[in-house]
Amino acid sequence: MDQVNTTTSKPDTGLSTVDKLRMLLDITQKISRSADLDEILNLVMDTLGSLIHYDAAGIYLIETGEDDASPNVFRSKVIRGYEISFALIEPRLRMGEGFLGQVAQTGQPIMSADVSKDSQ
């Protein structure tokens, strides 16, 4: 895992729809000019925090695993809002497991008010 930030997001509630669209356009332009994946992912996470509130969030990449039975595992690249070193407890979820695996497998987002109380 590469980047950890323990602060939660505080979106700018004064942003209009036009302001939000401008932010998205700006991030799109910056992404198209950069070849640095870490820079891009941090920019995406910072922009996300300006648009919506989250207590904790992360961007994960799918890696090829060593186990042929389930070759895909998730590796965190950018994390926000966790107060513990994620490197020590990083989950090694596979496709279909937990929130990450379900979203990756189905392509459908999952919203949870409290993930610690959610059965998924």
C-alpha atoms as a PDB file:
ATOM      1  CA  MET A   1       0.000   0.000   0.000  1.00  0.00           C
ATOM      2  CA  ASP A   2       1.383   3.333  -0.948  1.00  0.00           C
ATOM      3  CA  GLN A   3      -0.448   6.414   0.374  1.00  0.00           C
ATOM      4  CA  VAL A   4      -2.288   6.726   3.721  1.00  0.00           C
ATOM      5  CA  ASN A   5      -4.051   9.832   5.001  1.00  0.00           C
ATOM      6  CA  THR A   6      -6.043   9.694   8.247  1.00  0.00           C
ATOM      7  CA  THR A   7      -8.243  12.732   7.618  1.00  0.00           C
ATOM      8  CA  THR A   8     -11.834  12.292   6.534  1.00  0.00           C
ATOM      9  CA  SER A   9     -13.266  14.303   3.676  1.00  0.00           C
ATOM     10  CA  LYS A  10     -15.013  17.614   4.132  1.00  0.00           C
ATOM     11  CA  PRO A  11     -16.779  18.469   0.887  1.00  0.00           C
ATOM     12  CA  ASP A  12     -17.330  22.086  -0.028  1.00  0.00           C
ATOM     13  CA  THR A  13     -21.091  22.381   0.412  1.00  0.00           C
ATOM     14  CA  GLY A  14     -21.089  25.709  -1.420  1.00  0.00           C
ATOM     15  CA  LEU A  15     -20.139  24.126  -4.741  1.00  0.00           C
ATOM     16  CA  SER A  16     -22.726  24.456  -7.474  1.00  0.00           C
ATOM     17  CA  THR A  17     -23.265  21.788 -10.103  1.00  0.00           C
ATOM     18  CA  VAL A  18     -21.256  23.911 -12.529  1.00  0.00           C
ATOM     19  CA  ASP A  19     -18.389  24.139 -10.003  1.00  0.00           C
ATOM     20  CA  LYS A  20     -18.418  20.358  -9.582  1.00  0.00           C
ATOM     21  CA  LEU A  21     -18.384  19.830 -13.328  1.00  0.00           C
ATOM     22  CA  ARG A  22     -15.450  22.246 -13.617  1.00  0.00           C
ATOM     23  CA  MET A  23     -13.573  20.238 -10.969  1.00  0.00           C
ATOM     24  CA  LEU A  24     -14.186  17.049 -12.920  1.00  0.00           C
ATOM     25  CA  LEU A  25     -13.027  18.703 -16.136  1.00  0.00           C
ATOM     26  CA  ASP A  26      -9.911  19.979 -14.367  1.00  0.00           C
ATOM     27  CA  ILE A  27      -9.043  16.547 -12.998  1.00  0.00           C
ATOM     28  CA  THR A  28      -9.613  15.013 -16.435  1.00  0.00           C
ATOM     29  CA  GLN A  29      -7.181  17.475 -17.984  1.00  0.00           C
ATOM     30  CA  LYS A  30      -4.567  16.825 -15.273  1.00  0.00           C
ATOM     31  CA  ILE A  31      -4.911  13.076 -15.699  1.00  0.00           C
ATOM     32  CA  SER A  32      -4.395  13.338 -19.432  1.00  0.00           C
ATOM     33  CA  ARG A  33      -1.111  15.224 -18.849  1.00  0.00           C
ATOM     34  CA  SER A  34       0.383  12.943 -16.209  1.00  0.00           C
ATOM     35  CA  ALA A  35       2.007   9.554 -16.521  1.00  0.00           C
ATOM     36  CA  ASP A  36       2.500   9.196 -12.742  1.00  0.00           C
ATOM     37  CA  LEU A  37      -0.127   6.760 -11.435  1.00  0.00           C
ATOM     38  CA  ASP A  38       0.364   7.728  -7.778  1.00  0.00           C
ATOM     39  CA  GLU A  39      -0.100  11.414  -8.614  1.00  0.00           C
ATOM     40  CA  ILE A  40      -3.268  10.664 -10.578  1.00  0.00           C
ATOM     41  CA  LEU A  41      -4.784   8.460  -7.876  1.00  0.00           C
ATOM     42  CA  ASN A  42      -4.059  11.009  -5.142  1.00  0.00           C
ATOM     43  CA  LEU A  43      -5.609  13.732  -7.286  1.00  0.00           C
ATOM     44  CA  VAL A  44      -8.714  11.589  -7.826  1.00  0.00           C
ATOM     45  CA  MET A  45      -9.023  10.918  -4.083  1.00  0.00           C
ATOM     46  CA  ASP A  46      -8.526  14.592  -3.187  1.00  0.00           C
ATOM     47  CA  THR A  47     -11.124  15.668  -5.745  1.00  0.00           C
ATOM     48  CA  LEU A  48     -13.558  13.020  -4.513  1.00  0.00           C
ATOM     49  CA  GLY A  49     -13.208  14.391  -0.992  1.00  0.00           C
ATOM     50  CA  SER A  50     -14.177  17.841  -2.276  1.00  0.00           C
ATOM     51  CA  LEU A  51     -17.306  16.475  -3.937  1.00  0.00           C
ATOM     52  CA  ILE A  52     -18.736  13.966  -1.449  1.00  0.00           C
ATOM     53  CA  HIS A  53     -18.287  13.214   2.241  1.00  0.00           C
ATOM     54  CA  TYR A  54     -16.629   9.998   3.345  1.00  0.00           C
ATOM     55  CA  ASP A  55     -15.201   8.808   6.643  1.00  0.00           C
ATOM     56  CA  ALA A  56     -12.853   6.378   4.947  1.00  0.00           C
ATOM     57  CA  ALA A  57     -12.158   5.604   1.310  1.00  0.00           C
ATOM     58  CA  GLY A  58      -9.582   3.968  -0.869  1.00  0.00           C
ATOM     59  CA  ILE A  59      -8.553   3.251  -4.405  1.00  0.00           C
ATOM     60  CA  TYR A  60      -7.589  -0.336  -5.075  1.00  0.00           C
ATOM     61  CA  LEU A  61      -5.948  -1.972  -8.041  1.00  0.00           C
ATOM     62  CA  ILE A  62      -6.621  -5.517  -9.165  1.00  0.00           C
ATOM     63  CA  GLU A  63      -3.467  -7.633  -9.196  1.00  0.00           C
ATOM     64  CA  THR A  64      -2.834 -11.088 -10.477  1.00  0.00           C
ATOM     65  CA  GLY A  65      -2.618 -13.388  -7.478  1.00  0.00           C
ATOM     66  CA  GLU A  66      -0.446 -16.418  -6.931  1.00  0.00           C
ATOM     67  CA  ASP A  67      -3.446 -18.734  -6.534  1.00  0.00           C
ATOM     68  CA  ASP A  68      -4.724 -19.972  -9.903  1.00  0.00           C
ATOM     69  CA  ALA A  69      -8.146 -20.755  -8.424  1.00  0.00           C
ATOM     70  CA  SER A  70      -8.775 -17.032  -7.809  1.00  0.00           C
ATOM     71  CA  PRO A  71      -6.105 -15.089  -9.655  1.00  0.00           C
ATOM     72  CA  ASN A  72      -7.271 -11.569  -8.802  1.00  0.00           C
ATOM     73  CA  VAL A  73      -6.572  -9.829  -5.494  1.00  0.00           C
ATOM     74  CA  PHE A  74      -6.910  -6.173  -4.561  1.00  0.00           C
ATOM     75  CA  ARG A  75      -4.026  -3.958  -3.478  1.00  0.00           C
ATOM     76  CA  SER A  76      -4.649  -0.528  -1.979  1.00  0.00           C
ATOM     77  CA  LYS A  77      -2.893   2.393  -3.652  1.00  0.00           C
ATOM     78  CA  VAL A  78      -4.441   5.446  -1.959  1.00  0.00           C
ATOM     79  CA  ILE A  79      -6.265   5.385   1.385  1.00  0.00           C
ATOM     80  CA  ARG A  80      -7.992   8.180   3.291  1.00  0.00           C
ATOM     81  CA  GLY A  81      -9.599   8.220   6.736  1.00  0.00           C
ATOM     82  CA  TYR A  82      -8.007   5.194   8.412  1.00  0.00           C
ATOM     83  CA  GLU A  83      -6.274   5.803  11.747  1.00  0.00           C
ATOM     84  CA  ILE A  84      -4.389   2.516  11.689  1.00  0.00           C
ATOM     85  CA  SER A  85      -1.511   1.530   9.464  1.00  0.00           C
ATOM     86  CA  PHE A  86      -3.295  -0.167   6.606  1.00  0.00           C
ATOM     87  CA  ALA A  87      -0.063  -1.899   5.600  1.00  0.00           C
ATOM     88  CA  LEU A  88      -0.400  -4.042   8.732  1.00  0.00           C
ATOM     89  CA  ILE A  89      -3.968  -5.177   8.112  1.00  0.00           C
ATOM     90  CA  GLU A  90      -4.517  -4.736   4.384  1.00  0.00           C
ATOM     91  CA  PRO A  91      -7.145  -7.216   3.285  1.00  0.00           C
ATOM     92  CA  ARG A  92      -6.201  -9.572   0.485  1.00  0.00           C
ATOM     93  CA  LEU A  93      -9.687  -9.885  -0.922  1.00  0.00           C
ATOM     94  CA  ARG A  94     -10.404 -11.765  -4.098  1.00  0.00           C
ATOM     95  CA  MET A  95     -13.006 -11.174  -6.786  1.00  0.00           C
ATOM     96  CA  GLY A  96     -16.479 -11.510  -5.241  1.00  0.00           C
ATOM     97  CA  GLU A  97     -15.278 -11.204  -1.607  1.00  0.00           C
ATOM     98  CA  GLY A  98     -16.346  -8.301   0.618  1.00  0.00           C
ATOM     99  CA  PHE A  99     -17.381  -4.887  -0.661  1.00  0.00           C
ATOM    100  CA  LEU A 100     -14.384  -4.546  -2.959  1.00  0.00           C
ATOM    101  CA  GLY A 101     -14.780  -7.926  -4.575  1.00  0.00           C
ATOM    102  CA  GLN A 102     -18.525  -7.546  -5.054  1.00  0.00           C
ATOM    103  CA  VAL A 103     -18.229  -4.124  -6.663  1.00  0.00           C
ATOM    104  CA  ALA A 104     -15.421  -5.312  -8.953  1.00  0.00           C
ATOM    105  CA  GLN A 105     -17.353  -8.428  -9.942  1.00  0.00           C
ATOM    106  CA  THR A 106     -20.762  -6.822 -10.514  1.00  0.00           C
ATOM    107  CA  GLY A 107     -19.797  -3.283 -11.526  1.00  0.00           C
ATOM    108  CA  GLN A 108     -22.497  -1.992  -9.160  1.00  0.00           C
ATOM    109  CA  PRO A 109     -21.683   0.471  -6.341  1.00  0.00           C
ATOM    110  CA  ILE A 110     -22.424  -0.357  -2.717  1.00  0.00           C
ATOM    111  CA  MET A 111     -23.313   2.345  -0.189  1.00  0.00           C
ATOM    112  CA  SER A 112     -23.238   1.480   3.492  1.00  0.00           C
ATOM    113  CA  ALA A 113     -23.970   3.757   6.437  1.00  0.00           C
ATOM    114  CA  ASP A 114     -21.719   1.625   8.666  1.00  0.00           C
ATOM    115  CA  VAL A 115     -19.535  -1.022   7.051  1.00  0.00           C
ATOM    116  CA  SER A 116     -18.669  -2.526  10.434  1.00  0.00           C
ATOM    117  CA  LYS A 117     -22.349  -3.492  10.855  1.00  0.00           C
ATOM    118  CA  ASP A 118     -22.917  -4.578   7.263  1.00  0.00           C
ATOM    119  CA  SER A 119     -23.018  -8.321   6.591  1.00  0.00           C
ATOM    120  CA  GLN A 120     -21.295  -7.958   3.213  1.00  0.00           C
END
